[in-house]
Amino acid sequence: MRSEKVQLNNGVLMDRIGYGLYKVPPCDAEALCIQALDAGYRHLDTAALYANEAGVGKAVHRYTSGETGTSREDIFITTKVWNDHHGFDAALRAYDHSLKTLALDYVDLYLIHWPQPRRGQFIETYRALERLYHEGRVRAIGISNFRIHHLEQLLDATEVVPAVNQIELHPWLQQAELRAFHDRHGIRTEAWSPLGRGAVLADPVVLELAGQLGRTPAQVVLRWHLQLGNIAIPKASSTERIRGNFDLAGFSLDEAAMQQLAGLERNGRIGSDPDEVN
């Protein structure tokens, strides 16, 4: 199995289903990434905050140095600058540190993890990402957890339109207005917590659709993401779930099912409010 790919606004191709490493213990990251790569994933999403970049890098080296026929260029690596490294020089140092920890020559996508609006430094931070991009040290740049008013400020003050905005997005928090803004500006929508940290999987509508389709609740929700045009990075810690979350071919949701899932919107934010993370 291979993931569907989407073209970013600079022509770079990105896998639409990735393996998310939030809250993956550093000691488990290498082995779980290898399991994900064995299952067909070619997109690994980490961050400085997660403290597991080293394990991700080890998995990439191990997987591309064997007999898998997979090269570094086949694997898409995302990492993020954390809140304690906002500012131009600090963000450049953060990238160097992440690259050294990953033990890679480049990162495919580098994101600002949170805008921290009260600190007022995300534009300066993004300009550091622009430098990295113009110097060819990263293939694409973007942001995470930016709302429309943050994005409007960023677009007015910078040159490179973000390739991606990674946001909390699941059937209980569908972010339709923000997704529409992304579409108008050529920014791809990427969903973190695409399964609502598992809570959405117990929703009666999701369970009913899973039963009708003979699929897991997670597969139903991830297929919903794909049909909306989202990129999604589910996290899993068991081989069964890692493989199941990737096995999304061979079925689709009809219009009635998509409407049922659209009806689950409740502004049900599970993670932090981007305006309050400072």
Protein backbone atom coordinates (compact mmCIF):
# COMPACT_ATOMS: atom_id res chain seq x y z
CA MET A 1 0.00 0.00 0.00
CA ARG A 2 1.04 3.56 -0.69
CA SER A 3 -0.51 6.81 0.46
CA GLU A 4 -2.22 9.26 -1.83
CA LYS A 5 -0.12 12.37 -2.37
CA VAL A 6 -1.05 16.03 -2.63
CA GLN A 7 0.90 18.81 -4.31
CA LEU A 8 1.85 21.75 -2.12
CA ASN A 9 1.82 25.31 -3.43
CA ASN A 10 5.51 25.10 -4.39
CA GLY A 11 5.15 21.82 -6.28
CA VAL A 12 6.46 19.54 -3.52
CA LEU A 13 4.47 16.32 -3.10
CA MET A 14 3.30 15.37 0.40
CA ASP A 15 1.64 12.14 1.52
CA ARG A 16 -1.93 12.72 2.66
CA ILE A 17 -1.76 10.16 5.47
CA GLY A 18 1.22 10.45 7.81
CA TYR A 19 2.29 8.88 11.06
CA GLY A 20 1.98 11.34 13.94
CA LEU A 21 4.48 11.13 16.78
CA TYR A 22 2.86 13.38 19.39
CA LYS A 23 3.23 11.70 22.80
CA VAL A 24 5.26 8.81 21.35
CA PRO A 25 7.93 8.13 23.99
CA PRO A 26 11.46 8.78 22.70
CA CYS A 27 12.44 5.20 23.49
CA ASP A 28 9.66 3.86 21.24
CA ALA A 29 9.92 6.28 18.32
CA GLU A 30 12.43 4.37 16.19
CA ALA A 31 10.60 1.03 16.40
CA LEU A 32 7.17 2.56 15.80
CA CYS A 33 8.42 4.55 12.81
CA ILE A 34 9.86 1.36 11.34
CA GLN A 35 6.47 -0.32 11.80
CA ALA A 36 4.80 2.63 10.08
CA LEU A 37 7.27 2.55 7.20
CA ASP A 38 6.76 -1.21 6.85
CA ALA A 39 3.00 -0.56 6.65
CA GLY A 40 3.53 1.87 3.77
CA TYR A 41 3.67 5.27 5.46
CA ARG A 42 6.18 7.65 3.91
CA HIS A 43 5.30 10.73 5.97
CA LEU A 44 6.49 11.09 9.58
CA ASP A 45 5.42 14.06 11.68
CA THR A 46 7.51 15.03 14.71
CA ALA A 47 8.43 18.24 16.56
CA ALA A 48 11.09 19.59 18.88
CA LEU A 49 8.50 19.46 21.68
CA TYR A 50 7.98 15.72 21.28
CA ALA A 51 11.63 14.93 22.16
CA ASN A 52 11.58 12.00 19.73
CA GLU A 53 13.29 13.51 16.69
CA ALA A 54 16.37 11.34 17.29
CA GLY A 55 14.30 8.16 17.05
CA VAL A 56 12.65 9.38 13.86
CA GLY A 57 16.02 10.07 12.28
CA LYS A 58 17.37 6.67 13.33
CA ALA A 59 14.36 4.97 11.75
CA VAL A 60 14.89 6.85 8.49
CA HIS A 61 18.57 5.92 8.37
CA ARG A 62 17.86 2.32 9.25
CA TYR A 63 15.05 1.97 6.73
CA THR A 64 16.87 3.61 3.84
CA SER A 65 20.15 1.77 4.39
CA GLY A 66 18.64 -1.72 4.12
CA GLU A 67 17.08 -3.66 1.27
CA THR A 68 13.72 -1.90 1.25
CA GLY A 69 14.43 -0.01 -1.97
CA THR A 70 13.40 3.17 -0.16
CA SER A 71 15.56 6.29 -0.34
CA ARG A 72 15.60 9.36 1.89
CA GLU A 73 13.84 11.25 -0.91
CA ASP A 74 10.89 8.85 -0.61
CA ILE A 75 10.23 9.82 3.03
CA PHE A 76 8.60 13.10 3.99
CA ILE A 77 9.74 14.46 7.37
CA THR A 78 7.96 17.27 9.21
CA THR A 79 9.23 18.92 12.37
CA LYS A 80 8.37 22.15 14.17
CA VAL A 81 9.97 25.05 16.02
CA TRP A 82 8.77 25.17 19.61
CA ASN A 83 7.47 28.19 21.51
CA ASP A 84 10.72 28.86 23.35
CA HIS A 85 12.52 29.56 20.06
CA HIS A 86 10.39 32.28 18.51
CA GLY A 87 12.33 35.13 16.93
CA PHE A 88 14.55 35.17 13.85
CA ASP A 89 17.88 34.00 15.28
CA ALA A 90 16.31 31.65 17.79
CA ALA A 91 14.28 29.91 15.07
CA LEU A 92 17.38 29.41 12.94
CA ARG A 93 19.13 27.85 15.93
CA ALA A 94 16.10 25.65 16.58
CA TYR A 95 16.21 24.33 13.02
CA ASP A 96 19.92 23.57 13.28
CA HIS A 97 19.30 21.70 16.53
CA SER A 98 16.43 19.68 15.07
CA LEU A 99 18.46 18.81 11.98
CA LYS A 100 21.37 17.67 14.16
CA THR A 101 19.05 15.63 16.38
CA LEU A 102 17.39 14.00 13.38
CA ALA A 103 20.85 13.46 11.83
CA LEU A 104 19.42 14.35 8.44
CA ASP A 105 20.62 16.70 5.71
CA TYR A 106 17.29 18.48 5.36
CA VAL A 107 13.68 18.52 6.54
CA ASP A 108 10.82 18.34 4.08
CA LEU A 109 8.45 20.61 6.00
CA TYR A 110 9.25 22.98 8.85
CA LEU A 111 6.41 24.56 10.83
CA ILE A 112 5.89 27.17 13.51
CA HIS A 113 4.21 25.06 16.19
CA TRP A 114 1.99 27.78 17.73
CA PRO A 115 1.54 31.47 16.84
CA GLN A 116 1.75 32.74 20.45
CA PRO A 117 -0.03 35.96 19.42
CA ARG A 118 0.58 37.87 22.64
CA ARG A 119 4.32 37.52 22.19
CA GLY A 120 4.01 39.05 18.75
CA GLN A 121 7.00 37.26 17.23
CA PHE A 122 5.50 34.82 14.76
CA ILE A 123 6.19 37.05 11.75
CA GLU A 124 9.86 37.36 12.72
CA THR A 125 9.97 33.62 13.31
CA TYR A 126 8.41 32.91 9.93
CA ARG A 127 10.96 35.14 8.23
CA ALA A 128 13.62 32.78 9.58
CA LEU A 129 11.72 29.90 7.97
CA GLU A 130 11.66 31.87 4.73
CA ARG A 131 15.44 32.17 4.86
CA LEU A 132 15.78 28.42 5.38
CA TYR A 133 13.49 27.85 2.42
CA HIS A 134 15.29 30.29 0.11
CA GLU A 135 18.63 28.72 1.07
CA GLY A 136 17.29 25.27 0.11
CA ARG A 137 17.69 23.87 3.61
CA VAL A 138 14.03 22.88 3.86
CA ARG A 139 11.73 21.86 1.01
CA ALA A 140 8.60 23.61 2.30
CA ILE A 141 7.56 25.81 5.23
CA GLY A 142 4.32 26.43 7.02
CA ILE A 143 2.57 26.95 10.29
CA SER A 144 0.49 25.09 12.84
CA ASN A 145 -2.48 26.21 14.94
CA PHE A 146 -2.88 29.52 13.11
CA ARG A 147 -6.34 31.04 12.98
CA ILE A 148 -7.57 33.30 10.19
CA HIS A 149 -6.57 36.53 11.95
CA HIS A 150 -3.07 35.15 12.56
CA LEU A 151 -2.80 34.12 8.92
CA GLU A 152 -3.97 37.51 7.67
CA GLN A 153 -1.18 39.19 9.64
CA LEU A 154 1.36 36.68 8.35
CA LEU A 155 0.35 36.94 4.69
CA ASP A 156 0.46 40.74 4.82
CA ALA A 157 3.99 40.81 6.23
CA THR A 158 5.83 37.93 4.52
CA GLU A 159 6.59 36.68 1.01
CA VAL A 160 6.28 32.88 1.00
CA VAL A 161 2.71 31.66 1.36
CA PRO A 162 2.71 28.82 3.91
CA ALA A 163 2.44 25.43 2.25
CA VAL A 164 0.51 23.92 5.16
CA ASN A 165 -1.42 24.93 8.26
CA GLN A 166 -1.60 22.01 10.67
CA ILE A 167 -4.64 22.42 12.92
CA GLU A 168 -6.87 20.46 15.26
CA LEU A 169 -9.52 19.05 12.95
CA HIS A 170 -11.96 16.15 13.35
CA PRO A 171 -15.73 15.61 12.97
CA TRP A 172 -16.44 17.46 16.24
CA LEU A 173 -14.29 20.45 15.17
CA GLN A 174 -14.49 20.77 11.40
CA GLN A 175 -12.97 24.26 10.93
CA ALA A 176 -14.96 24.94 7.74
CA GLU A 177 -14.25 28.69 7.66
CA LEU A 178 -10.52 28.19 8.19
CA ARG A 179 -10.39 25.43 5.56
CA ALA A 180 -12.11 27.74 3.08
CA PHE A 181 -9.54 30.46 3.85
CA HIS A 182 -6.76 27.95 3.20
CA ASP A 183 -8.31 27.00 -0.14
CA ARG A 184 -8.50 30.63 -1.25
CA HIS A 185 -4.81 31.16 -0.49
CA GLY A 186 -3.34 27.86 -1.69
CA ILE A 187 -2.56 26.58 1.81
CA ARG A 188 -3.07 22.87 2.47
CA THR A 189 -5.07 21.87 5.54
CA GLU A 190 -3.42 19.25 7.73
CA ALA A 191 -5.32 17.71 10.64
CA TRP A 192 -3.64 16.97 13.93
CA SER A 193 -5.75 14.89 16.28
CA PRO A 194 -7.70 13.73 13.20
CA LEU A 195 -9.51 11.17 15.37
CA GLY A 196 -10.27 13.62 18.17
CA ARG A 197 -7.76 11.83 20.43
CA GLY A 198 -9.93 8.75 20.02
CA ALA A 199 -13.04 10.31 21.52
CA VAL A 200 -14.75 10.75 18.14
CA LEU A 201 -14.43 7.02 17.47
CA ALA A 202 -17.13 6.30 20.05
CA ASP A 203 -19.63 8.68 18.45
CA PRO A 204 -22.80 6.74 17.55
CA VAL A 205 -22.82 8.08 13.98
CA VAL A 206 -19.24 6.99 13.39
CA LEU A 207 -19.92 3.57 14.92
CA GLU A 208 -23.01 3.09 12.77
CA LEU A 209 -21.16 3.98 9.56
CA ALA A 210 -18.26 1.70 10.51
CA GLY A 211 -20.70 -1.18 10.98
CA GLN A 212 -22.41 -0.51 7.66
CA LEU A 213 -19.11 -0.36 5.77
CA GLY A 214 -17.32 -3.17 7.58
CA ARG A 215 -14.53 -0.77 8.51
CA THR A 216 -13.09 0.48 11.78
CA PRO A 217 -14.34 3.79 13.18
CA ALA A 218 -10.85 5.23 12.63
CA GLN A 219 -10.90 4.23 8.97
CA VAL A 220 -14.27 5.91 8.50
CA VAL A 221 -13.04 9.18 10.02
CA LEU A 222 -9.76 9.13 8.10
CA ARG A 223 -11.60 8.46 4.82
CA TRP A 224 -13.79 11.49 5.67
CA HIS A 225 -10.63 13.57 6.00
CA LEU A 226 -9.32 12.42 2.65
CA GLN A 227 -12.60 13.13 0.89
CA LEU A 228 -12.61 16.64 2.36
CA GLY A 229 -9.12 17.17 0.93
CA ASN A 230 -7.32 17.16 4.27
CA ILE A 231 -3.93 15.75 5.13
CA ALA A 232 -4.10 13.69 8.35
CA ILE A 233 -1.48 12.41 10.78
CA PRO A 234 -3.06 9.81 13.10
CA LYS A 235 -0.95 8.53 15.97
CA ALA A 236 -1.06 4.86 16.94
CA SER A 237 1.08 2.61 19.12
CA SER A 238 0.00 -0.88 18.07
CA THR A 239 0.82 -2.65 14.82
CA GLU A 240 -2.87 -3.32 14.19
CA ARG A 241 -3.85 0.34 14.48
CA ILE A 242 -0.81 1.62 12.59
CA ARG A 243 -1.74 -0.66 9.69
CA GLY A 244 -5.48 -0.08 10.00
CA ASN A 245 -5.14 3.71 9.90
CA PHE A 246 -3.23 3.42 6.64
CA ASP A 247 -5.55 0.90 4.97
CA LEU A 248 -7.99 3.37 3.45
CA ALA A 249 -8.20 2.12 -0.13
CA GLY A 250 -11.10 0.12 -1.47
CA PHE A 251 -13.96 2.06 0.05
CA SER A 252 -15.45 5.52 0.08
CA LEU A 253 -18.15 7.47 1.87
CA ASP A 254 -21.23 8.39 -0.12
CA GLU A 255 -22.82 11.81 0.06
CA ALA A 256 -25.28 10.70 2.75
CA ALA A 257 -22.42 9.49 4.97
CA MET A 258 -20.48 12.71 4.42
CA GLN A 259 -23.56 14.70 5.42
CA GLN A 260 -24.02 12.58 8.55
CA LEU A 261 -20.44 13.29 9.58
CA ALA A 262 -20.82 16.99 8.73
CA GLY A 263 -23.68 17.04 11.21
CA LEU A 264 -21.32 16.12 14.07
CA GLU A 265 -19.83 19.63 14.24
CA ARG A 266 -20.06 20.96 17.79
CA ASN A 267 -17.02 23.27 18.02
CA GLY A 268 -15.62 20.49 20.15
CA ARG A 269 -12.05 21.61 20.63
CA ILE A 270 -10.04 19.01 22.55
CA GLY A 271 -6.65 20.70 22.45
CA SER A 272 -5.59 24.22 23.39
CA ASP A 273 -7.04 27.43 21.98
CA PRO A 274 -4.39 28.98 19.67
CA ASP A 275 -5.11 32.44 21.07
CA GLU A 276 -4.37 31.25 24.60
CA VAL A 277 -1.04 29.47 24.02
CA ASN A 278 1.50 32.17 24.81
